[in-house]
Every structure is written in structure tokens, then in C-alpha cells.
């Protein structure tokens, strides 16, 4: 990446801050920048105000979950092209 190229934006969505930090640490590269959202509703605001290359969505969140967010994204002309990867973490 040259100094004139903007980093590729990834959207990370998870209701747990520690999961967002872990994802960002795993994916960190000079050519990437991250937008983080703690809810589906917050993610919608970011999606409508930023051009995102990829969205990593938590499956289970209070309120709007990852599946509902993906359904909205596919129905919206601004976001329907954004690739989606679903992520989830379970604890026992």
C-alpha cells in the first residue's frame, strides 16, 4: 500500500468489547482499518455512513442480531454488495 492509498475498511460487529478487540488483533494489517459496533443498530449507522469492504457479524446479539443485520444489508442498495462473515463465540 502506498501512502496515498486509503486502508480497506472492515466492519466488526459484536456486543462484547473483548471479542471486538480479539478480532481486530487477529486481522491487524497496515492496509486495513476497522470500524467497530457493539450492536446491529450501531452497525447500521456505520454502514450507511462509510464504505466497507467486509463485515464480520456476531450471530447472537441483543436487539438486532447478525442474521437480521445481514438481511437488512442484502435488502439495501448501498450495502448489498458487502461480503459478510458470521462469527460467534460460545462459553461454557
PDB file of N, CA and C in Angstrom:
ATOM      1  N   UNK A   1       0.847  -1.179   0.000  1.00  0.00           N
ATOM      2  CA  UNK A   1       0.000   0.000   0.000  1.00  0.00           C
ATOM      3  C   UNK A   1       0.890   1.239   0.000  1.00  0.00           C
ATOM      4  N   UNK A   2       0.627   2.164  -0.913  1.00  0.00           N
ATOM      5  CA  UNK A   2       1.363   3.414  -0.922  1.00  0.00           C
ATOM      6  C   UNK A   2       0.727   4.368   0.076  1.00  0.00           C
ATOM      7  N   UNK A   3       1.436   5.434   0.382  1.00  0.00           N
ATOM      8  CA  UNK A   3       0.928   6.382   1.373  1.00  0.00           C
ATOM      9  C   UNK A   3      -0.322   7.112   0.887  1.00  0.00           C
ATOM     10  N   UNK A   4      -0.617   7.073  -0.420  1.00  0.00           N
ATOM     11  CA  UNK A   4      -1.797   7.746  -0.949  1.00  0.00           C
ATOM     12  C   UNK A   4      -3.035   6.862  -0.943  1.00  0.00           C
ATOM     13  N   UNK A   5      -2.862   5.554  -0.792  1.00  0.00           N
ATOM     14  CA  UNK A   5      -4.000   4.641  -0.794  1.00  0.00           C
ATOM     15  C   UNK A   5      -4.651   4.603   0.586  1.00  0.00           C
ATOM     16  N   UNK A   6      -5.967   4.691   0.582  1.00  0.00           N
ATOM     17  CA  UNK A   6      -6.701   4.594   1.850  1.00  0.00           C
ATOM     18  C   UNK A   6      -6.762   3.134   2.275  1.00  0.00           C
ATOM     19  N   UNK A   7      -6.658   2.874   3.569  1.00  0.00           N
ATOM     20  CA  UNK A   7      -6.770   1.486   4.024  1.00  0.00           C
ATOM     21  C   UNK A   7      -8.170   0.937   3.770  1.00  0.00           C
ATOM     22  N   UNK A   8      -8.251  -0.356   3.562  1.00  0.00           N
ATOM     23  CA  UNK A   8      -9.521  -1.044   3.381  1.00  0.00           C
ATOM     24  C   UNK A   8     -10.251  -1.088   4.718  1.00  0.00           C
ATOM     25  N   UNK A   9     -11.530  -0.714   4.705  1.00  0.00           N
ATOM     26  CA  UNK A   9     -12.307  -0.678   5.951  1.00  0.00           C
ATOM     27  C   UNK A   9     -13.066  -1.980   6.155  1.00  0.00           C
ATOM     28  N   UNK A  10     -12.898  -2.562   7.339  1.00  0.00           N
ATOM     29  CA  UNK A  10     -13.659  -3.727   7.757  1.00  0.00           C
ATOM     30  C   UNK A  10     -14.569  -3.314   8.902  1.00  0.00           C
ATOM     31  N   UNK A  11     -15.791  -3.821   8.888  1.00  0.00           N
ATOM     32  CA  UNK A  11     -16.735  -3.570   9.969  1.00  0.00           C
ATOM     33  C   UNK A  11     -16.782  -4.794  10.865  1.00  0.00           C
ATOM     34  N   UNK A  12     -16.482  -4.606  12.143  1.00  0.00           N
ATOM     35  CA  UNK A  12     -16.531  -5.669  13.142  1.00  0.00           C
ATOM     36  C   UNK A  12     -17.721  -5.392  14.050  1.00  0.00           C
ATOM     37  N   UNK A  13     -18.618  -6.374  14.191  1.00  0.00           N
ATOM     38  CA  UNK A  13     -19.832  -6.172  14.981  1.00  0.00           C
ATOM     39  C   UNK A  13     -19.957  -7.288  16.009  1.00  0.00           C
ATOM     40  N   UNK A  14     -19.924  -6.923  17.277  1.00  0.00           N
ATOM     41  CA  UNK A  14     -20.084  -7.878  18.376  1.00  0.00           C
ATOM     42  C   UNK A  14     -20.496  -7.090  19.605  1.00  0.00           C
ATOM     43  N   UNK A  15     -21.367  -7.661  20.416  1.00  0.00           N
ATOM     44  CA  UNK A  15     -21.816  -6.947  21.609  1.00  0.00           C
ATOM     45  C   UNK A  15     -20.789  -6.983  22.736  1.00  0.00           C
ATOM     46  N   UNK A  16     -19.770  -7.822  22.615  1.00  0.00           N
ATOM     47  CA  UNK A  16     -18.731  -7.914  23.646  1.00  0.00           C
ATOM     48  C   UNK A  16     -17.446  -7.236  23.174  1.00  0.00           C
ATOM     49  N   UNK A  17     -17.017  -6.242  23.920  1.00  0.00           N
ATOM     50  CA  UNK A  17     -15.818  -5.473  23.568  1.00  0.00           C
ATOM     51  C   UNK A  17     -14.593  -6.368  23.420  1.00  0.00           C
ATOM     52  N   UNK A  18     -14.447  -7.367  24.304  1.00  0.00           N
ATOM     53  CA  UNK A  18     -13.266  -8.234  24.226  1.00  0.00           C
ATOM     54  C   UNK A  18     -13.233  -9.035  22.925  1.00  0.00           C
ATOM     55  N   UNK A  19     -14.387  -9.391  22.378  1.00  0.00           N
ATOM     56  CA  UNK A  19     -14.414 -10.091  21.091  1.00  0.00           C
ATOM     57  C   UNK A  19     -14.013  -9.161  19.951  1.00  0.00           C
ATOM     58  N   UNK A  20     -14.444  -7.910  20.017  1.00  0.00           N
ATOM     59  CA  UNK A  20     -14.040  -6.930  19.009  1.00  0.00           C
ATOM     60  C   UNK A  20     -12.530  -6.725  19.031  1.00  0.00           C
ATOM     61  N   UNK A  21     -11.975  -6.606  20.221  1.00  0.00           N
ATOM     62  CA  UNK A  21     -10.527  -6.415  20.349  1.00  0.00           C
ATOM     63  C   UNK A  21      -9.765  -7.629  19.832  1.00  0.00           C
ATOM     64  N   UNK A  22     -10.265  -8.834  20.114  1.00  0.00           N
ATOM     65  CA  UNK A  22      -9.608 -10.055  19.645  1.00  0.00           C
ATOM     66  C   UNK A  22      -9.643 -10.148  18.119  1.00  0.00           C
ATOM     67  N   UNK A  23     -10.785  -9.860  17.518  1.00  0.00           N
ATOM     68  CA  UNK A  23     -10.884  -9.880  16.056  1.00  0.00           C
ATOM     69  C   UNK A  23      -9.925  -8.881  15.425  1.00  0.00           C
ATOM     70  N   UNK A  24      -9.902  -7.687  15.973  1.00  0.00           N
ATOM     71  CA  UNK A  24      -9.017  -6.655  15.430  1.00  0.00           C
ATOM     72  C   UNK A  24      -7.555  -7.068  15.556  1.00  0.00           C
ATOM     73  N   UNK A  25      -7.182  -7.661  16.670  1.00  0.00           N
ATOM     74  CA  UNK A  25      -5.798  -8.109  16.865  1.00  0.00           C
ATOM     75  C   UNK A  25      -5.428  -9.201  15.861  1.00  0.00           C
ATOM     76  N   UNK A  26      -6.354 -10.109  15.594  1.00  0.00           N
ATOM     77  CA  UNK A  26      -6.094 -11.191  14.639  1.00  0.00           C
ATOM     78  C   UNK A  26      -5.964 -10.692  13.205  1.00  0.00           C
ATOM     79  N   UNK A  27      -6.707  -9.649  12.876  1.00  0.00           N
ATOM     80  CA  UNK A  27      -6.775  -9.169  11.494  1.00  0.00           C
ATOM     81  C   UNK A  27      -5.875  -7.973  11.205  1.00  0.00           C
ATOM     82  N   UNK A  28      -5.235  -7.430  12.210  1.00  0.00           N
ATOM     83  CA  UNK A  28      -4.490  -6.176  12.061  1.00  0.00           C
ATOM     84  C   UNK A  28      -3.428  -6.270  10.955  1.00  0.00           C
ATOM     85  N   UNK A  29      -3.529  -5.354  10.014  1.00  0.00           N
ATOM     86  CA  UNK A  29      -2.568  -5.185   8.924  1.00  0.00           C
ATOM     87  C   UNK A  29      -2.491  -3.689   8.629  1.00  0.00           C
ATOM     88  N   UNK A  30      -1.377  -3.264   8.061  1.00  0.00           N
ATOM     89  CA  UNK A  30      -1.222  -1.847   7.715  1.00  0.00           C
ATOM     90  C   UNK A  30      -2.266  -1.411   6.692  1.00  0.00           C
ATOM     91  N   UNK A  31      -2.683  -2.334   5.833  1.00  0.00           N
ATOM     92  CA  UNK A  31      -3.607  -1.989   4.755  1.00  0.00           C
ATOM     93  C   UNK A  31      -5.078  -2.020   5.176  1.00  0.00           C
ATOM     94  N   UNK A  32      -5.349  -2.304   6.461  1.00  0.00           N
ATOM     95  CA  UNK A  32      -6.728  -2.405   6.942  1.00  0.00           C
ATOM     96  C   UNK A  32      -7.022  -1.372   8.019  1.00  0.00           C
ATOM     97  N   UNK A  33      -8.247  -0.889   8.025  1.00  0.00           N
ATOM     98  CA  UNK A  33      -8.734  -0.092   9.147  1.00  0.00           C
ATOM     99  C   UNK A  33     -10.045  -0.724   9.604  1.00  0.00           C
ATOM    100  N   UNK A  34     -10.421  -0.447  10.844  1.00  0.00           N
ATOM    101  CA  UNK A  34     -11.561  -1.127  11.439  1.00  0.00           C
ATOM    102  C   UNK A  34     -12.587  -0.139  11.961  1.00  0.00           C
ATOM    103  N   UNK A  35     -13.835  -0.453  11.695  1.00  0.00           N
ATOM    104  CA  UNK A  35     -14.964   0.214  12.320  1.00  0.00           C
ATOM    105  C   UNK A  35     -15.564  -0.818  13.256  1.00  0.00           C
ATOM    106  N   UNK A  36     -15.847  -0.416  14.489  1.00  0.00           N
ATOM    107  CA  UNK A  36     -16.387  -1.366  15.469  1.00  0.00           C
ATOM    108  C   UNK A  36     -17.760  -0.915  15.923  1.00  0.00           C
ATOM    109  N   UNK A  37     -18.666  -1.890  16.020  1.00  0.00           N
ATOM    110  CA  UNK A  37     -20.019  -1.623  16.507  1.00  0.00           C
ATOM    111  C   UNK A  37     -20.370  -2.664  17.553  1.00  0.00           C
ATOM    112  N   UNK A  38     -21.075  -2.233  18.601  1.00  0.00           N
ATOM    113  CA  UNK A  38     -21.469  -3.133  19.692  1.00  0.00           C
ATOM    114  C   UNK A  38     -22.911  -3.602  19.557  1.00  0.00           C
ATOM    115  N   UNK A  39     -23.585  -3.235  18.469  1.00  0.00           N
ATOM    116  CA  UNK A  39     -24.968  -3.670  18.247  1.00  0.00           C
ATOM    117  C   UNK A  39     -25.269  -3.618  16.754  1.00  0.00           C
ATOM    118  N   UNK A  40     -26.330  -4.313  16.373  1.00  0.00           N
ATOM    119  CA  UNK A  40     -26.770  -4.255  14.988  1.00  0.00           C
ATOM    120  C   UNK A  40     -27.194  -2.855  14.594  1.00  0.00           C
ATOM    121  N   UNK A  41     -27.843  -2.173  15.510  1.00  0.00           N
ATOM    122  CA  UNK A  41     -28.302  -0.810  15.242  1.00  0.00           C
ATOM    123  C   UNK A  41     -27.123   0.141  15.020  1.00  0.00           C
ATOM    124  N   UNK A  42     -26.093   0.015  15.846  1.00  0.00           N
ATOM    125  CA  UNK A  42     -24.893   0.848  15.678  1.00  0.00           C
ATOM    126  C   UNK A  42     -24.199   0.516  14.359  1.00  0.00           C
ATOM    127  N   UNK A  43     -24.181  -0.761  14.004  1.00  0.00           N
ATOM    128  CA  UNK A  43     -23.575  -1.181  12.738  1.00  0.00           C
ATOM    129  C   UNK A  43     -24.296  -0.560  11.548  1.00  0.00           C
ATOM    130  N   UNK A  44     -25.619  -0.490  11.612  1.00  0.00           N
ATOM    131  CA  UNK A  44     -26.389   0.131  10.525  1.00  0.00           C
ATOM    132  C   UNK A  44     -25.958   1.567  10.289  1.00  0.00           C
ATOM    133  N   UNK A  45     -25.791   2.314  11.367  1.00  0.00           N
ATOM    134  CA  UNK A  45     -25.352   3.707  11.238  1.00  0.00           C
ATOM    135  C   UNK A  45     -24.001   3.787  10.534  1.00  0.00           C
ATOM    136  N   UNK A  46     -23.075   2.903  10.913  1.00  0.00           N
ATOM    137  CA  UNK A  46     -21.748   2.907  10.295  1.00  0.00           C
ATOM    138  C   UNK A  46     -21.818   2.495   8.826  1.00  0.00           C
ATOM    139  N   UNK A  47     -22.624   1.481   8.530  1.00  0.00           N
ATOM    140  CA  UNK A  47     -22.755   1.012   7.147  1.00  0.00           C
ATOM    141  C   UNK A  47     -23.314   2.083   6.225  1.00  0.00           C
ATOM    142  N   UNK A  48     -24.178   2.916   6.746  1.00  0.00           N
ATOM    143  CA  UNK A  48     -24.794   3.947   5.917  1.00  0.00           C
ATOM    144  C   UNK A  48     -23.939   5.198   5.781  1.00  0.00           C
ATOM    145  N   UNK A  49     -22.879   5.297   6.584  1.00  0.00           N
ATOM    146  CA  UNK A  49     -22.027   6.489   6.510  1.00  0.00           C
ATOM    147  C   UNK A  49     -20.586   6.189   6.094  1.00  0.00           C
ATOM    148  N   UNK A  50     -20.248   4.916   5.881  1.00  0.00           N
ATOM    149  CA  UNK A  50     -18.893   4.527   5.477  1.00  0.00           C
ATOM    150  C   UNK A  50     -18.961   3.476   4.380  1.00  0.00           C
ATOM    151  N   UNK A  51     -17.956   3.472   3.512  1.00  0.00           N
ATOM    152  CA  UNK A  51     -17.815   2.402   2.529  1.00  0.00           C
ATOM    153  C   UNK A  51     -16.997   1.294   3.170  1.00  0.00           C
ATOM    154  N   UNK A  52     -17.598   0.127   3.287  1.00  0.00           N
ATOM    155  CA  UNK A  52     -16.997  -1.003   3.986  1.00  0.00           C
ATOM    156  C   UNK A  52     -16.722  -2.116   2.981  1.00  0.00           C
ATOM    157  N   UNK A  53     -15.537  -2.733   3.061  1.00  0.00           N
ATOM    158  CA  UNK A  53     -15.165  -3.808   2.141  1.00  0.00           C
ATOM    159  C   UNK A  53     -15.640  -5.173   2.618  1.00  0.00           C
ATOM    160  N   UNK A  54     -15.832  -5.336   3.932  1.00  0.00           N
ATOM    161  CA  UNK A  54     -16.205  -6.623   4.509  1.00  0.00           C
ATOM    162  C   UNK A  54     -16.833  -6.383   5.871  1.00  0.00           C
ATOM    163  N   UNK A  55     -17.854  -7.183   6.208  1.00  0.00           N
ATOM    164  CA  UNK A  55     -18.490  -7.092   7.524  1.00  0.00           C
ATOM    165  C   UNK A  55     -18.372  -8.433   8.230  1.00  0.00           C
ATOM    166  N   UNK A  56     -17.851  -8.412   9.448  1.00  0.00           N
ATOM    167  CA  UNK A  56     -17.815  -9.594  10.305  1.00  0.00           C
ATOM    168  C   UNK A  56     -18.862  -9.384  11.382  1.00  0.00           C
ATOM    169  N   UNK A  57     -19.893 -10.222  11.373  1.00  0.00           N
ATOM    170  CA  UNK A  57     -21.057 -10.020  12.232  1.00  0.00           C
ATOM    171  C   UNK A  57     -21.183 -11.134  13.254  1.00  0.00           C
ATOM    172  N   UNK A  58     -21.351 -10.753  14.509  1.00  0.00           N
ATOM    173  CA  UNK A  58     -21.675 -11.727  15.548  1.00  0.00           C
ATOM    174  C   UNK A  58     -23.078 -12.248  15.274  1.00  0.00           C
ATOM    175  N   UNK A  59     -23.257 -13.545  15.445  1.00  0.00           N
ATOM    176  CA  UNK A  59     -24.564 -14.149  15.209  1.00  0.00           C
ATOM    177  C   UNK A  59     -25.544 -13.766  16.308  1.00  0.00           C
ATOM    178  N   UNK A  60     -25.120 -13.863  17.562  1.00  0.00           N
ATOM    179  CA  UNK A  60     -26.019 -13.635  18.694  1.00  0.00           C
ATOM    180  C   UNK A  60     -25.691 -12.318  19.384  1.00  0.00           C
ATOM    181  N   UNK A  61     -26.645 -11.380  19.288  1.00  0.00           N
ATOM    182  CA  UNK A  61     -26.523 -10.099  19.981  1.00  0.00           C
ATOM    183  C   UNK A  61     -27.906  -9.712  20.466  1.00  0.00           C
ATOM    184  N   UNK A  62     -27.983  -8.966  21.569  1.00  0.00           N
ATOM    185  CA  UNK A  62     -29.290  -8.448  21.988  1.00  0.00           C
ATOM    186  C   UNK A  62     -29.820  -7.470  20.938  1.00  0.00           C
ATOM    187  N   UNK A  63     -31.115  -7.366  20.833  1.00  0.00           N
ATOM    188  CA  UNK A  63     -31.696  -6.473  19.828  1.00  0.00           C
ATOM    189  C   UNK A  63     -31.540  -7.091  18.451  1.00  0.00           C
ATOM    190  N   UNK A  64     -31.027  -6.329  17.515  1.00  0.00           N
ATOM    191  CA  UNK A  64     -30.822  -6.815  16.153  1.00  0.00           C
ATOM    192  C   UNK A  64     -29.616  -7.752  16.123  1.00  0.00           C
ATOM    193  N   UNK A  65     -29.844  -9.031  15.793  1.00  0.00           N
ATOM    194  CA  UNK A  65     -28.728  -9.976  15.747  1.00  0.00           C
ATOM    195  C   UNK A  65     -28.057  -9.951  14.371  1.00  0.00           C
ATOM    196  N   UNK A  66     -27.014 -10.744  14.218  1.00  0.00           N
ATOM    197  CA  UNK A  66     -26.259 -10.751  12.971  1.00  0.00           C
ATOM    198  C   UNK A  66     -27.077 -11.162  11.762  1.00  0.00           C
ATOM    199  N   UNK A  67     -27.978 -12.131  11.932  1.00  0.00           N
ATOM    200  CA  UNK A  67     -28.813 -12.566  10.816  1.00  0.00           C
ATOM    201  C   UNK A  67     -29.767 -11.460  10.372  1.00  0.00           C
ATOM    202  N   UNK A  68     -30.341 -10.749  11.327  1.00  0.00           N
ATOM    203  CA  UNK A  68     -31.243  -9.641  10.990  1.00  0.00           C
ATOM    204  C   UNK A  68     -30.483  -8.513  10.305  1.00  0.00           C
ATOM    205  N   UNK A  69     -29.282  -8.236  10.781  1.00  0.00           N
ATOM    206  CA  UNK A  69     -28.455  -7.201  10.156  1.00  0.00           C
ATOM    207  C   UNK A  69     -28.099  -7.597   8.728  1.00  0.00           C
ATOM    208  N   UNK A  70     -27.727  -8.858   8.525  1.00  0.00           N
ATOM    209  CA  UNK A  70     -27.392  -9.333   7.178  1.00  0.00           C
ATOM    210  C   UNK A  70     -28.597  -9.223   6.243  1.00  0.00           C
ATOM    211  N   UNK A  71     -29.772  -9.548   6.748  1.00  0.00           N
ATOM    212  CA  UNK A  71     -30.988  -9.443   5.938  1.00  0.00           C
ATOM    213  C   UNK A  71     -31.220  -7.993   5.514  1.00  0.00           C
ATOM    214  N   UNK A  72     -31.027  -7.062   6.444  1.00  0.00           N
ATOM    215  CA  UNK A  72     -31.155  -5.644   6.103  1.00  0.00           C
ATOM    216  C   UNK A  72     -30.110  -5.257   5.048  1.00  0.00           C
ATOM    217  N   UNK A  73     -28.864  -5.703   5.256  1.00  0.00           N
ATOM    218  CA  UNK A  73     -27.784  -5.355   4.331  1.00  0.00           C
ATOM    219  C   UNK A  73     -28.092  -5.841   2.917  1.00  0.00           C
ATOM    220  N   UNK A  74     -28.624  -7.034   2.785  1.00  0.00           N
ATOM    221  CA  UNK A  74     -28.926  -7.591   1.464  1.00  0.00           C
ATOM    222  C   UNK A  74     -30.089  -6.861   0.789  1.00  0.00           C
ATOM    223  N   UNK A  75     -30.945  -6.250   1.567  1.00  0.00           N
ATOM    224  CA  UNK A  75     -32.079  -5.527   1.011  1.00  0.00           C
ATOM    225  C   UNK A  75     -31.808  -4.061   0.721  1.00  0.00           C
ATOM    226  N   UNK A  76     -30.619  -3.568   1.065  1.00  0.00           N
ATOM    227  CA  UNK A  76     -30.279  -2.159   0.901  1.00  0.00           C
ATOM    228  C   UNK A  76     -29.290  -2.010  -0.253  1.00  0.00           C
ATOM    229  N   UNK A  77     -29.580  -1.125  -1.200  1.00  0.00           N
ATOM    230  CA  UNK A  77     -28.713  -0.980  -2.374  1.00  0.00           C
ATOM    231  C   UNK A  77     -27.303  -0.521  -2.009  1.00  0.00           C
ATOM    232  N   UNK A  78     -27.156   0.229  -0.938  1.00  0.00           N
ATOM    233  CA  UNK A  78     -25.823   0.706  -0.535  1.00  0.00           C
ATOM    234  C   UNK A  78     -24.960  -0.412   0.049  1.00  0.00           C
ATOM    235  N   UNK A  79     -25.581  -1.405   0.662  1.00  0.00           N
ATOM    236  CA  UNK A  79     -24.810  -2.416   1.400  1.00  0.00           C
ATOM    237  C   UNK A  79     -24.944  -3.833   0.848  1.00  0.00           C
ATOM    238  N   UNK A  80     -25.757  -4.047  -0.163  1.00  0.00           N
ATOM    239  CA  UNK A  80     -25.998  -5.423  -0.624  1.00  0.00           C
ATOM    240  C   UNK A  80     -24.755  -6.096  -1.196  1.00  0.00           C
ATOM    241  N   UNK A  81     -23.779  -5.334  -1.655  1.00  0.00           N
ATOM    242  CA  UNK A  81     -22.554  -5.903  -2.237  1.00  0.00           C
ATOM    243  C   UNK A  81     -21.503  -6.276  -1.185  1.00  0.00           C
ATOM    244  N   UNK A  82     -21.665  -5.843   0.048  1.00  0.00           N
ATOM    245  CA  UNK A  82     -20.646  -6.052   1.087  1.00  0.00           C
ATOM    246  C   UNK A  82     -20.624  -7.529   1.501  1.00  0.00           C
ATOM    247  N   UNK A  83     -19.473  -8.197   1.357  1.00  0.00           N
ATOM    248  CA  UNK A  83     -19.378  -9.586   1.821  1.00  0.00           C
ATOM    249  C   UNK A  83     -19.556  -9.656   3.337  1.00  0.00           C
ATOM    250  N   UNK A  84     -20.171 -10.746   3.788  1.00  0.00           N
ATOM    251  CA  UNK A  84     -20.456 -10.943   5.211  1.00  0.00           C
ATOM    252  C   UNK A  84     -19.823 -12.243   5.676  1.00  0.00           C
ATOM    253  N   UNK A  85     -19.166 -12.184   6.823  1.00  0.00           N
ATOM    254  CA  UNK A  85     -18.690 -13.379   7.518  1.00  0.00           C
ATOM    255  C   UNK A  85     -19.347 -13.360   8.889  1.00  0.00           C
ATOM    256  N   UNK A  86     -20.024 -14.455   9.225  1.00  0.00           N
ATOM    257  CA  UNK A  86     -20.631 -14.574  10.550  1.00  0.00           C
ATOM    258  C   UNK A  86     -19.606 -15.145  11.519  1.00  0.00           C
ATOM    259  N   UNK A  87     -19.552 -14.563  12.703  1.00  0.00           N
ATOM    260  CA  UNK A  87     -18.661 -15.053  13.758  1.00  0.00           C
ATOM    261  C   UNK A  87     -19.480 -15.234  15.029  1.00  0.00           C
ATOM    262  N   UNK A  88     -19.058 -16.159  15.857  1.00  0.00           N
ATOM    263  CA  UNK A  88     -19.707 -16.346  17.146  1.00  0.00           C
ATOM    264  C   UNK A  88     -18.709 -16.976  18.096  1.00  0.00           C
ATOM    265  N   UNK A  89     -18.876 -16.696  19.350  1.00  0.00           N
ATOM    266  CA  UNK A  89     -18.023 -17.284  20.385  1.00  0.00           C
ATOM    267  C   UNK A  89     -18.939 -17.784  21.484  1.00  0.00           C
ATOM    268  N   UNK A  90     -18.709 -18.993  21.908  1.00  0.00           N
ATOM    269  CA  UNK A  90     -19.511 -19.547  22.985  1.00  0.00           C
ATOM    270  C   UNK A  90     -18.639 -19.830  24.191  1.00  0.00           C
ATOM    271  N   UNK A  91     -19.247 -19.799  25.355  1.00  0.00           N
ATOM    272  CA  UNK A  91     -18.514 -20.139  26.567  1.00  0.00           C
ATOM    273  C   UNK A  91     -19.346 -21.126  27.359  1.00  0.00           C
ATOM    274  N   UNK A  92     -18.665 -21.965  28.096  1.00  0.00           N
ATOM    275  CA  UNK A  92     -19.399 -22.942  28.903  1.00  0.00           C
ATOM    276  C   UNK A  92     -18.898 -22.960  30.319  1.00  0.00           C
TER     277      UNK A  92
END
